Amino acid sequence: MEALDLSRRLSDFSQVAGEVLRDVQEVTEQQIRHWIVNPFLTALGWDPHDKRQVFLDYHSPKRKETVDYALLDADGKPKLFLDVRERTASVTELGAIGDRAKDSEVPLILLTNGRAFSLWFVPPTEPAAPLFVLSLEELAGNAENLVGLTAEYRLSESGIGQLRRSAIRLAVLQMLEENSEKTFDALVSWVQSEVAPGALDETTEQAIRDATMLWLTEEHLTLPPFTSPDGKRASDLRATTPKDWEPFPRGPAGTFQYKYDTAKILDLRQGAKEVREQMRSQGLRTPTATSFGGFYHALRSRAGLSGK
């Protein structure tokens, strides 16, 4: 399953699940299973009614307690324990499910209270560590990072590896974003120690900062990992969201006009790849690479094209 398809599935799921939670304020754990967890697994491509894929109330040979759900790999071995908690319970603390997973050599744990989902990696000898903590509304926007959880991978080593890489990548990007000034200052300090060690006056220090910033914004971003085939850098593109677009009044149904520049038009009847290229050619991008799927399907849904 590709990230774009998964984004659409998770978007549809989140919308329906959100309506359920709004309509049923005192939702029970059993209702969360039927109305939230089962549709969530279905969106990921799993069949909750197929015991060869999903085992309900799984009994670990080494423990008396059962686990709400166990997702099985292609050989029928449990690779993920899913623990359903009541609607106000925390999903950021493992509790006893962590010991059950370690005893059963299950590498993944998914916790949910219906409103939030947390995925944990359980290494054989180290403490379990959270990979993702996402709200119901954030699932579709993070589809690219959840592909390894789909039934297509059946929680194979490659699927688990993909989930871990995605989690590390997001954590690093978030850390860099939150500490951008500290990171920049550390780089400036390194340049200072290498180029002009010792006491610096204000003019010399500012020259080092200017040169460092120039390298970051001009040279570094031209390296292959930071640029695209058309030569445009992400920093050159303006971020946009579905709220910035309105149906094009004089165009065919499915076309949208950018609020801030009426010359910019998107044709959502096109495929995702083509729409992304339309955006780039007009100097636009979504806030993050993973949010493009949600952007694309939000506009298609608004145009009545989501099922086509």
C-alpha atoms as a PDB file:
ATOM      1  CA  MET A   1       0.000   0.000   0.000  1.00  0.00           C
ATOM      2  CA  GLU A   2       1.425   3.378  -0.982  1.00  0.00           C
ATOM      3  CA  ALA A   3       1.502   6.301   1.433  1.00  0.00           C
ATOM      4  CA  LEU A   4      -1.012   8.262  -0.653  1.00  0.00           C
ATOM      5  CA  ASP A   5      -3.582   5.468  -0.537  1.00  0.00           C
ATOM      6  CA  LEU A   6      -2.963   4.985   3.178  1.00  0.00           C
ATOM      7  CA  SER A   7      -3.428   8.719   3.752  1.00  0.00           C
ATOM      8  CA  ARG A   8      -6.822   8.581   2.054  1.00  0.00           C
ATOM      9  CA  ARG A   9      -7.852   5.523   4.081  1.00  0.00           C
ATOM     10  CA  LEU A  10      -6.737   7.047   7.373  1.00  0.00           C
ATOM     11  CA  SER A  11      -8.426  10.343   6.529  1.00  0.00           C
ATOM     12  CA  ASP A  12     -11.741   8.578   5.922  1.00  0.00           C
ATOM     13  CA  PHE A  13     -11.288   6.515   9.090  1.00  0.00           C
ATOM     14  CA  SER A  14     -10.409   9.542  11.242  1.00  0.00           C
ATOM     15  CA  GLN A  15     -13.447  11.453  10.033  1.00  0.00           C
ATOM     16  CA  VAL A  16     -15.869   8.652  10.904  1.00  0.00           C
ATOM     17  CA  ALA A  17     -14.133   7.814  14.203  1.00  0.00           C
ATOM     18  CA  GLY A  18     -14.164  11.484  15.194  1.00  0.00           C
ATOM     19  CA  GLU A  19     -17.917  11.635  14.599  1.00  0.00           C
ATOM     20  CA  VAL A  20     -18.405   8.537  16.774  1.00  0.00           C
ATOM     21  CA  LEU A  21     -16.430  10.060  19.634  1.00  0.00           C
ATOM     22  CA  ARG A  22     -18.381  13.310  19.382  1.00  0.00           C
ATOM     23  CA  ASP A  23     -21.726  11.486  19.416  1.00  0.00           C
ATOM     24  CA  VAL A  24     -20.874   8.996  22.196  1.00  0.00           C
ATOM     25  CA  GLN A  25     -19.301  10.873  25.084  1.00  0.00           C
ATOM     26  CA  GLU A  26     -19.006   7.914  27.489  1.00  0.00           C
ATOM     27  CA  VAL A  27     -17.588   5.424  24.997  1.00  0.00           C
ATOM     28  CA  THR A  28     -16.566   2.094  26.565  1.00  0.00           C
ATOM     29  CA  GLU A  29     -13.490  -0.028  25.851  1.00  0.00           C
ATOM     30  CA  GLN A  30     -15.679  -2.533  24.004  1.00  0.00           C
ATOM     31  CA  GLN A  31     -17.096   0.238  21.834  1.00  0.00           C
ATOM     32  CA  ILE A  32     -13.578   1.539  21.162  1.00  0.00           C
ATOM     33  CA  ARG A  33     -12.699  -1.947  19.911  1.00  0.00           C
ATOM     34  CA  HIS A  34     -15.641  -2.147  17.520  1.00  0.00           C
ATOM     35  CA  TRP A  35     -15.949   1.483  16.405  1.00  0.00           C
ATOM     36  CA  ILE A  36     -12.320   2.633  16.481  1.00  0.00           C
ATOM     37  CA  VAL A  37      -9.764  -0.179  16.559  1.00  0.00           C
ATOM     38  CA  ASN A  38     -11.361  -2.564  14.046  1.00  0.00           C
ATOM     39  CA  PRO A  39     -11.887   0.185  11.407  1.00  0.00           C
ATOM     40  CA  PHE A  40      -8.337   1.431  12.084  1.00  0.00           C
ATOM     41  CA  LEU A  41      -6.916  -2.030  11.380  1.00  0.00           C
ATOM     42  CA  THR A  42      -9.075  -2.253   8.262  1.00  0.00           C
ATOM     43  CA  ALA A  43      -7.668   1.082   7.055  1.00  0.00           C
ATOM     44  CA  LEU A  44      -4.202  -0.434   7.452  1.00  0.00           C
ATOM     45  CA  GLY A  45      -5.266  -3.405   5.321  1.00  0.00           C
ATOM     46  CA  TRP A  46      -5.702  -5.927   8.141  1.00  0.00           C
ATOM     47  CA  ASP A  47      -8.805  -8.111   8.464  1.00  0.00           C
ATOM     48  CA  PRO A  48      -9.869  -8.089  12.149  1.00  0.00           C
ATOM     49  CA  HIS A  49     -12.060 -11.151  11.518  1.00  0.00           C
ATOM     50  CA  ASP A  50      -9.275 -13.302  10.069  1.00  0.00           C
ATOM     51  CA  LYS A  51      -7.474 -15.174  12.870  1.00  0.00           C
ATOM     52  CA  ARG A  52      -4.561 -15.781  10.536  1.00  0.00           C
ATOM     53  CA  GLN A  53      -3.948 -12.034  10.659  1.00  0.00           C
ATOM     54  CA  VAL A  54      -5.531 -10.710  13.854  1.00  0.00           C
ATOM     55  CA  PHE A  55      -5.948 -12.786  17.020  1.00  0.00           C
ATOM     56  CA  LEU A  56      -8.419 -11.358  19.547  1.00  0.00           C
ATOM     57  CA  ASP A  57      -7.860 -11.862  23.284  1.00  0.00           C
ATOM     58  CA  TYR A  58      -4.507 -13.477  22.605  1.00  0.00           C
ATOM     59  CA  HIS A  59      -3.230 -15.708  25.427  1.00  0.00           C
ATOM     60  CA  SER A  60       0.532 -15.671  25.855  1.00  0.00           C
ATOM     61  CA  PRO A  61       1.942 -19.107  26.791  1.00  0.00           C
ATOM     62  CA  LYS A  62       4.075 -17.540  29.522  1.00  0.00           C
ATOM     63  CA  ARG A  63       1.343 -15.434  31.135  1.00  0.00           C
ATOM     64  CA  LYS A  64      -2.206 -15.828  32.371  1.00  0.00           C
ATOM     65  CA  GLU A  65      -3.421 -12.435  31.167  1.00  0.00           C
ATOM     66  CA  THR A  66      -4.739 -12.028  27.638  1.00  0.00           C
ATOM     67  CA  VAL A  67      -3.858  -9.273  25.169  1.00  0.00           C
ATOM     68  CA  ASP A  68      -6.702  -7.444  23.402  1.00  0.00           C
ATOM     69  CA  TYR A  69      -5.258  -7.958  19.922  1.00  0.00           C
ATOM     70  CA  ALA A  70      -2.202  -9.699  18.499  1.00  0.00           C
ATOM     71  CA  LEU A  71      -1.226  -8.983  14.896  1.00  0.00           C
ATOM     72  CA  LEU A  72       0.445 -11.979  13.276  1.00  0.00           C
ATOM     73  CA  ASP A  73       3.180 -12.128  10.656  1.00  0.00           C
ATOM     74  CA  ALA A  74       3.028 -14.336   7.547  1.00  0.00           C
ATOM     75  CA  ASP A  75       4.185 -17.331   9.648  1.00  0.00           C
ATOM     76  CA  GLY A  76       1.447 -16.853  12.233  1.00  0.00           C
ATOM     77  CA  LYS A  77       3.794 -15.482  14.899  1.00  0.00           C
ATOM     78  CA  PRO A  78       2.604 -12.474  16.942  1.00  0.00           C
ATOM     79  CA  LYS A  79       4.612  -9.363  16.115  1.00  0.00           C
ATOM     80  CA  LEU A  80       2.429  -6.620  17.624  1.00  0.00           C
ATOM     81  CA  PHE A  81       0.319  -6.486  20.778  1.00  0.00           C
ATOM     82  CA  LEU A  82      -2.519  -3.955  20.689  1.00  0.00           C
ATOM     83  CA  ASP A  83      -3.841  -2.789  24.058  1.00  0.00           C
ATOM     84  CA  VAL A  84      -7.199  -0.970  24.141  1.00  0.00           C
ATOM     85  CA  ARG A  85      -7.621   1.395  27.085  1.00  0.00           C
ATOM     86  CA  GLU A  86     -10.541   3.357  28.413  1.00  0.00           C
ATOM     87  CA  ARG A  87     -11.097   6.782  26.877  1.00  0.00           C
ATOM     88  CA  THR A  88      -9.324   8.841  29.603  1.00  0.00           C
ATOM     89  CA  ALA A  89      -6.376   6.480  30.089  1.00  0.00           C
ATOM     90  CA  SER A  90      -2.850   7.479  29.111  1.00  0.00           C
ATOM     91  CA  VAL A  91      -1.173   5.975  26.051  1.00  0.00           C
ATOM     92  CA  THR A  92       2.287   7.239  27.016  1.00  0.00           C
ATOM     93  CA  GLU A  93       2.868   4.629  29.739  1.00  0.00           C
ATOM     94  CA  LEU A  94       3.218   0.958  28.827  1.00  0.00           C
ATOM     95  CA  GLY A  95       2.383  -0.736  32.096  1.00  0.00           C
ATOM     96  CA  ALA A  96       2.140  -4.540  32.226  1.00  0.00           C
ATOM     97  CA  ILE A  97       1.713  -4.919  28.454  1.00  0.00           C
ATOM     98  CA  GLY A  98       5.435  -4.180  28.098  1.00  0.00           C
ATOM     99  CA  ASP A  99       6.396  -7.252  30.151  1.00  0.00           C
ATOM    100  CA  ARG A 100       3.945  -9.438  28.232  1.00  0.00           C
ATOM    101  CA  ALA A 101       5.439  -8.346  24.922  1.00  0.00           C
ATOM    102  CA  LYS A 102       9.012  -8.947  26.096  1.00  0.00           C
ATOM    103  CA  ASP A 103       8.134 -12.415  27.466  1.00  0.00           C
ATOM    104  CA  SER A 104       6.509 -13.310  24.136  1.00  0.00           C
ATOM    105  CA  GLU A 105       9.354 -11.768  22.078  1.00  0.00           C
ATOM    106  CA  VAL A 106       6.885  -9.404  20.414  1.00  0.00           C
ATOM    107  CA  PRO A 107       8.772  -6.351  19.061  1.00  0.00           C
ATOM    108  CA  LEU A 108       5.880  -3.866  18.768  1.00  0.00           C
ATOM    109  CA  ILE A 109       3.126  -2.570  21.033  1.00  0.00           C
ATOM    110  CA  LEU A 110       0.271  -0.277  20.016  1.00  0.00           C
ATOM    111  CA  LEU A 111      -1.719   1.510  22.716  1.00  0.00           C
ATOM    112  CA  THR A 112      -4.945   3.400  22.081  1.00  0.00           C
ATOM    113  CA  ASN A 113      -7.764   5.009  24.008  1.00  0.00           C
ATOM    114  CA  GLY A 114      -9.621   5.790  20.792  1.00  0.00           C
ATOM    115  CA  ARG A 115      -8.426   9.396  20.701  1.00  0.00           C
ATOM    116  CA  ALA A 116      -4.681   8.824  20.608  1.00  0.00           C
ATOM    117  CA  PHE A 117      -2.353   6.080  19.381  1.00  0.00           C
ATOM    118  CA  SER A 118       1.168   5.292  20.565  1.00  0.00           C
ATOM    119  CA  LEU A 119       3.455   2.744  18.911  1.00  0.00           C
ATOM    120  CA  TRP A 120       6.344   1.256  20.894  1.00  0.00           C
ATOM    121  CA  PHE A 121       9.408  -0.773  19.905  1.00  0.00           C
ATOM    122  CA  VAL A 122      10.378  -3.564  22.323  1.00  0.00           C
ATOM    123  CA  PRO A 123      13.994  -4.686  21.825  1.00  0.00           C
ATOM    124  CA  PRO A 124      15.016  -8.051  23.325  1.00  0.00           C
ATOM    125  CA  THR A 125      17.339  -6.707  26.022  1.00  0.00           C
ATOM    126  CA  GLU A 126      16.699  -2.936  26.216  1.00  0.00           C
ATOM    127  CA  PRO A 127      13.731  -1.029  27.650  1.00  0.00           C
ATOM    128  CA  ALA A 128      10.806  -0.366  25.291  1.00  0.00           C
ATOM    129  CA  ALA A 129      10.841   3.019  23.553  1.00  0.00           C
ATOM    130  CA  PRO A 130       7.969   4.974  21.936  1.00  0.00           C
ATOM    131  CA  LEU A 131       8.144   5.391  18.156  1.00  0.00           C
ATOM    132  CA  PHE A 132       5.031   7.511  17.598  1.00  0.00           C
ATOM    133  CA  VAL A 133       2.397   9.223  19.713  1.00  0.00           C
ATOM    134  CA  LEU A 134      -0.301  10.509  17.368  1.00  0.00           C
ATOM    135  CA  SER A 135      -3.784  11.848  17.900  1.00  0.00           C
ATOM    136  CA  LEU A 136      -6.663  10.533  15.825  1.00  0.00           C
ATOM    137  CA  GLU A 137      -6.519  13.685  13.695  1.00  0.00           C
ATOM    138  CA  GLU A 138      -2.777  13.335  13.042  1.00  0.00           C
ATOM    139  CA  LEU A 139      -2.872   9.817  11.570  1.00  0.00           C
ATOM    140  CA  ALA A 140      -3.609  10.770   7.941  1.00  0.00           C
ATOM    141  CA  GLY A 141      -0.884  13.410   7.912  1.00  0.00           C
ATOM    142  CA  ASN A 142       1.659  10.816   9.057  1.00  0.00           C
ATOM    143  CA  ALA A 143       0.681   8.062   6.612  1.00  0.00           C
ATOM    144  CA  GLU A 144       4.146   8.010   5.056  1.00  0.00           C
ATOM    145  CA  ASN A 145       5.583   7.073   8.458  1.00  0.00           C
ATOM    146  CA  LEU A 146       2.999   4.336   9.123  1.00  0.00           C
ATOM    147  CA  VAL A 147       3.313   2.340   5.905  1.00  0.00           C
ATOM    148  CA  GLY A 148       5.415  -0.285   7.698  1.00  0.00           C
ATOM    149  CA  LEU A 149       2.408  -0.999   9.913  1.00  0.00           C
ATOM    150  CA  THR A 150       0.171  -2.049   7.013  1.00  0.00           C
ATOM    151  CA  ALA A 151      -0.887  -5.633   6.354  1.00  0.00           C
ATOM    152  CA  GLU A 152       1.159  -5.615   3.169  1.00  0.00           C
ATOM    153  CA  TYR A 153       4.308  -5.797   5.287  1.00  0.00           C
ATOM    154  CA  ARG A 154       2.749  -8.228   7.821  1.00  0.00           C
ATOM    155  CA  LEU A 155       5.137  -6.733  10.392  1.00  0.00           C
ATOM    156  CA  SER A 156       8.149  -8.240   8.664  1.00  0.00           C
ATOM    157  CA  GLU A 157      11.653  -7.156   9.606  1.00  0.00           C
ATOM    158  CA  SER A 158      11.627  -4.676   6.721  1.00  0.00           C
ATOM    159  CA  GLY A 159       8.304  -3.230   7.901  1.00  0.00           C
ATOM    160  CA  ILE A 160       9.504  -2.864  11.487  1.00  0.00           C
ATOM    161  CA  GLY A 161      12.756  -1.361  10.230  1.00  0.00           C
ATOM    162  CA  GLN A 162      10.815   1.180   8.187  1.00  0.00           C
ATOM    163  CA  LEU A 163       8.723   2.163  11.206  1.00  0.00           C
ATOM    164  CA  ARG A 164      11.841   2.669  13.317  1.00  0.00           C
ATOM    165  CA  ARG A 165      13.621   4.709  10.643  1.00  0.00           C
ATOM    166  CA  SER A 166      10.554   6.920  10.180  1.00  0.00           C
ATOM    167  CA  ALA A 167      10.299   7.493  13.935  1.00  0.00           C
ATOM    168  CA  ILE A 168      13.967   8.396  14.240  1.00  0.00           C
ATOM    169  CA  ARG A 169      13.752  10.719  11.243  1.00  0.00           C
ATOM    170  CA  LEU A 170      10.745  12.557  12.710  1.00  0.00           C
ATOM    171  CA  ALA A 171      12.372  12.794  16.139  1.00  0.00           C
ATOM    172  CA  VAL A 172      15.577  14.239  14.673  1.00  0.00           C
ATOM    173  CA  LEU A 173      13.699  16.767  12.536  1.00  0.00           C
ATOM    174  CA  GLN A 174      11.601  17.838  15.501  1.00  0.00           C
ATOM    175  CA  MET A 175      14.685  18.153  17.704  1.00  0.00           C
ATOM    176  CA  LEU A 176      16.489  20.228  15.083  1.00  0.00           C
ATOM    177  CA  GLU A 177      13.463  22.461  14.597  1.00  0.00           C
ATOM    178  CA  GLU A 178      13.013  23.011  18.335  1.00  0.00           C
ATOM    179  CA  ASN A 179      16.734  23.637  18.839  1.00  0.00           C
ATOM    180  CA  SER A 180      17.552  25.419  15.587  1.00  0.00           C
ATOM    181  CA  GLU A 181      19.194  28.372  17.329  1.00  0.00           C
ATOM    182  CA  LYS A 182      21.250  26.107  19.585  1.00  0.00           C
ATOM    183  CA  THR A 183      22.298  24.025  16.579  1.00  0.00           C
ATOM    184  CA  PHE A 184      23.305  27.137  14.655  1.00  0.00           C
ATOM    185  CA  ASP A 185      25.237  28.535  17.612  1.00  0.00           C
ATOM    186  CA  ALA A 186      27.080  25.229  18.008  1.00  0.00           C
ATOM    187  CA  LEU A 187      28.094  25.324  14.340  1.00  0.00           C
ATOM    188  CA  VAL A 188      29.232  28.930  14.639  1.00  0.00           C
ATOM    189  CA  SER A 189      31.305  28.014  17.706  1.00  0.00           C
ATOM    190  CA  TRP A 190      32.954  25.193  15.795  1.00  0.00           C
ATOM    191  CA  VAL A 191      33.778  27.475  12.854  1.00  0.00           C
ATOM    192  CA  GLN A 192      35.180  30.035  15.283  1.00  0.00           C
ATOM    193  CA  SER A 193      37.444  27.471  16.939  1.00  0.00           C
ATOM    194  CA  GLU A 194      38.712  26.203  13.576  1.00  0.00           C
ATOM    195  CA  VAL A 195      39.042  29.467  11.661  1.00  0.00           C
ATOM    196  CA  ALA A 196      39.817  32.166  14.185  1.00  0.00           C
ATOM    197  CA  PRO A 197      40.487  30.739  17.645  1.00  0.00           C
ATOM    198  CA  GLY A 198      40.797  33.098  20.548  1.00  0.00           C
ATOM    199  CA  ALA A 199      39.010  36.278  21.513  1.00  0.00           C
ATOM    200  CA  LEU A 200      36.969  37.894  18.734  1.00  0.00           C
ATOM    201  CA  ASP A 201      35.630  41.379  18.387  1.00  0.00           C
ATOM    202  CA  GLU A 202      32.007  41.991  17.417  1.00  0.00           C
ATOM    203  CA  THR A 203      32.779  42.505  13.717  1.00  0.00           C
ATOM    204  CA  THR A 204      34.751  39.267  13.368  1.00  0.00           C
ATOM    205  CA  GLU A 205      32.140  37.237  15.230  1.00  0.00           C
ATOM    206  CA  GLN A 206      29.353  38.617  13.045  1.00  0.00           C
ATOM    207  CA  ALA A 207      31.359  37.773   9.914  1.00  0.00           C
ATOM    208  CA  ILE A 208      31.595  34.153  11.058  1.00  0.00           C
ATOM    209  CA  ARG A 209      27.843  34.018  11.725  1.00  0.00           C
ATOM    210  CA  ASP A 210      27.091  35.558   8.307  1.00  0.00           C
ATOM    211  CA  ALA A 211      29.358  33.089   6.515  1.00  0.00           C
ATOM    212  CA  THR A 212      27.888  30.139   8.412  1.00  0.00           C
ATOM    213  CA  MET A 213      24.320  31.174   7.621  1.00  0.00           C
ATOM    214  CA  LEU A 214      25.249  31.663   3.972  1.00  0.00           C
ATOM    215  CA  TRP A 215      26.612  28.133   3.804  1.00  0.00           C
ATOM    216  CA  LEU A 216      23.512  26.693   5.472  1.00  0.00           C
ATOM    217  CA  THR A 217      21.050  28.482   3.210  1.00  0.00           C
ATOM    218  CA  GLU A 218      22.931  28.441  -0.078  1.00  0.00           C
ATOM    219  CA  GLU A 219      25.523  25.690  -0.287  1.00  0.00           C
ATOM    220  CA  HIS A 220      24.204  22.963   1.984  1.00  0.00           C
ATOM    221  CA  LEU A 221      20.709  22.932   0.530  1.00  0.00           C
ATOM    222  CA  THR A 222      22.056  22.415  -2.987  1.00  0.00           C
ATOM    223  CA  LEU A 223      23.425  18.979  -2.050  1.00  0.00           C
ATOM    224  CA  PRO A 224      21.462  16.066  -3.601  1.00  0.00           C
ATOM    225  CA  PRO A 225      19.482  15.098  -0.458  1.00  0.00           C
ATOM    226  CA  PHE A 226      18.154  18.643  -0.113  1.00  0.00           C
ATOM    227  CA  THR A 227      17.136  19.526  -3.624  1.00  0.00           C
ATOM    228  CA  SER A 228      14.760  18.150  -6.261  1.00  0.00           C
ATOM    229  CA  PRO A 229      15.279  17.269  -9.939  1.00  0.00           C
ATOM    230  CA  ASP A 230      13.996  20.675 -11.040  1.00  0.00           C
ATOM    231  CA  GLY A 231      16.676  22.371  -8.939  1.00  0.00           C
ATOM    232  CA  LYS A 232      14.220  24.101  -6.603  1.00  0.00           C
ATOM    233  CA  ARG A 233      14.926  23.949  -2.899  1.00  0.00           C
ATOM    234  CA  ALA A 234      12.227  23.498  -0.282  1.00  0.00           C
ATOM    235  CA  SER A 235      13.233  26.846   1.225  1.00  0.00           C
ATOM    236  CA  ASP A 236      12.342  28.532  -2.087  1.00  0.00           C
ATOM    237  CA  LEU A 237       8.764  27.249  -2.017  1.00  0.00           C
ATOM    238  CA  ARG A 238       5.946  28.855  -0.078  1.00  0.00           C
ATOM    239  CA  ALA A 239       4.017  26.559   2.283  1.00  0.00           C
ATOM    240  CA  THR A 240       0.303  26.191   1.634  1.00  0.00           C
ATOM    241  CA  THR A 241      -2.653  24.305   3.134  1.00  0.00           C
ATOM    242  CA  PRO A 242      -6.117  23.366   1.798  1.00  0.00           C
ATOM    243  CA  LYS A 243      -7.550  26.476   3.485  1.00  0.00           C
ATOM    244  CA  ASP A 244      -5.608  28.618   0.992  1.00  0.00           C
ATOM    245  CA  TRP A 245      -7.528  27.223  -2.001  1.00  0.00           C
ATOM    246  CA  GLU A 246     -11.051  27.849  -3.300  1.00  0.00           C
ATOM    247  CA  PRO A 247     -12.975  26.239  -6.178  1.00  0.00           C
ATOM    248  CA  PHE A 248     -12.007  27.976  -9.400  1.00  0.00           C
ATOM    249  CA  PRO A 249     -15.192  29.887 -10.326  1.00  0.00           C
ATOM    250  CA  ARG A 250     -14.552  29.892 -14.075  1.00  0.00           C
ATOM    251  CA  GLY A 251     -12.945  26.475 -14.426  1.00  0.00           C
ATOM    252  CA  PRO A 252     -14.076  22.859 -14.556  1.00  0.00           C
ATOM    253  CA  ALA A 253     -15.218  21.167 -11.344  1.00  0.00           C
ATOM    254  CA  GLY A 254     -12.181  19.908  -9.491  1.00  0.00           C
ATOM    255  CA  THR A 255      -9.963  22.936 -10.146  1.00  0.00           C
ATOM    256  CA  PHE A 256      -8.903  25.285  -7.344  1.00  0.00           C
ATOM    257  CA  GLN A 257      -7.554  28.834  -7.228  1.00  0.00           C
ATOM    258  CA  TYR A 258      -4.929  30.081  -4.779  1.00  0.00           C
ATOM    259  CA  LYS A 259      -6.335  32.865  -2.581  1.00  0.00           C
ATOM    260  CA  TYR A 260      -3.139  34.905  -2.563  1.00  0.00           C
ATOM    261  CA  ASP A 261      -2.355  34.679  -6.271  1.00  0.00           C
ATOM    262  CA  THR A 262      -5.291  34.115  -8.621  1.00  0.00           C
ATOM    263  CA  ALA A 263      -2.919  33.085 -11.415  1.00  0.00           C
ATOM    264  CA  LYS A 264      -2.101  29.883  -9.528  1.00  0.00           C
ATOM    265  CA  ILE A 265      -4.518  27.046 -10.341  1.00  0.00           C
ATOM    266  CA  LEU A 266      -4.530  23.372  -9.293  1.00  0.00           C
ATOM    267  CA  ASP A 267      -6.358  20.666 -11.218  1.00  0.00           C
ATOM    268  CA  LEU A 268      -7.315  18.019  -8.663  1.00  0.00           C
ATOM    269  CA  ARG A 269      -8.661  15.741 -11.391  1.00  0.00           C
ATOM    270  CA  GLN A 270      -5.004  14.880 -11.958  1.00  0.00           C
ATOM    271  CA  GLY A 271      -3.063  12.251 -10.023  1.00  0.00           C
ATOM    272  CA  ALA A 272      -1.128  13.069  -6.861  1.00  0.00           C
ATOM    273  CA  LYS A 273       2.229  13.168  -8.636  1.00  0.00           C
ATOM    274  CA  GLU A 274       0.942  15.611 -11.239  1.00  0.00           C
ATOM    275  CA  VAL A 275      -0.650  17.845  -8.570  1.00  0.00           C
ATOM    276  CA  ARG A 276       2.594  17.940  -6.612  1.00  0.00           C
ATOM    277  CA  GLU A 277       4.425  19.014  -9.783  1.00  0.00           C
ATOM    278  CA  GLN A 278       1.798  21.695 -10.447  1.00  0.00           C
ATOM    279  CA  MET A 279       2.430  23.075  -6.985  1.00  0.00           C
ATOM    280  CA  ARG A 280       6.220  23.069  -7.361  1.00  0.00           C
ATOM    281  CA  SER A 281       6.038  24.800 -10.732  1.00  0.00           C
ATOM    282  CA  GLN A 282       4.011  27.568  -9.065  1.00  0.00           C
ATOM    283  CA  GLY A 283       6.466  27.869  -6.172  1.00  0.00           C
ATOM    284  CA  LEU A 284       4.324  26.119  -3.579  1.00  0.00           C
ATOM    285  CA  ARG A 285       4.600  23.131  -1.254  1.00  0.00           C
ATOM    286  CA  THR A 286       2.778  21.675   1.741  1.00  0.00           C
ATOM    287  CA  PRO A 287       4.252  22.431   5.198  1.00  0.00           C
ATOM    288  CA  THR A 288       5.900  18.988   5.317  1.00  0.00           C
ATOM    289  CA  ALA A 289       6.425  16.207   2.789  1.00  0.00           C
ATOM    290  CA  THR A 290       4.166  13.871   4.752  1.00  0.00           C
ATOM    291  CA  SER A 291       1.294  16.400   4.812  1.00  0.00           C
ATOM    292  CA  PHE A 292       0.913  16.359   1.022  1.00  0.00           C
ATOM    293  CA  GLY A 293      -1.321  13.276   1.107  1.00  0.00           C
ATOM    294  CA  GLY A 294      -3.774  14.984   3.464  1.00  0.00           C
ATOM    295  CA  PHE A 295      -3.652  18.182   1.371  1.00  0.00           C
ATOM    296  CA  TYR A 296      -4.361  16.277  -1.858  1.00  0.00           C
ATOM    297  CA  HIS A 297      -7.269  14.262  -0.495  1.00  0.00           C
ATOM    298  CA  ALA A 298      -8.778  17.212   1.388  1.00  0.00           C
ATOM    299  CA  LEU A 299      -9.151  19.171  -1.864  1.00  0.00           C
ATOM    300  CA  ARG A 300     -10.330  16.113  -3.804  1.00  0.00           C
ATOM    301  CA  SER A 301     -12.935  15.437  -1.136  1.00  0.00           C
ATOM    302  CA  ARG A 302     -14.075  19.087  -1.294  1.00  0.00           C
ATOM    303  CA  ALA A 303     -14.426  18.699  -5.078  1.00  0.00           C
ATOM    304  CA  GLY A 304     -16.407  15.448  -4.726  1.00  0.00           C
ATOM    305  CA  LEU A 305     -13.580  13.429  -6.312  1.00  0.00           C
ATOM    306  CA  SER A 306     -12.428  11.406  -3.251  1.00  0.00           C
ATOM    307  CA  GLY A 307     -14.086   8.183  -4.413  1.00  0.00           C
ATOM    308  CA  LYS A 308     -12.900   8.422  -8.035  1.00  0.00           C
END
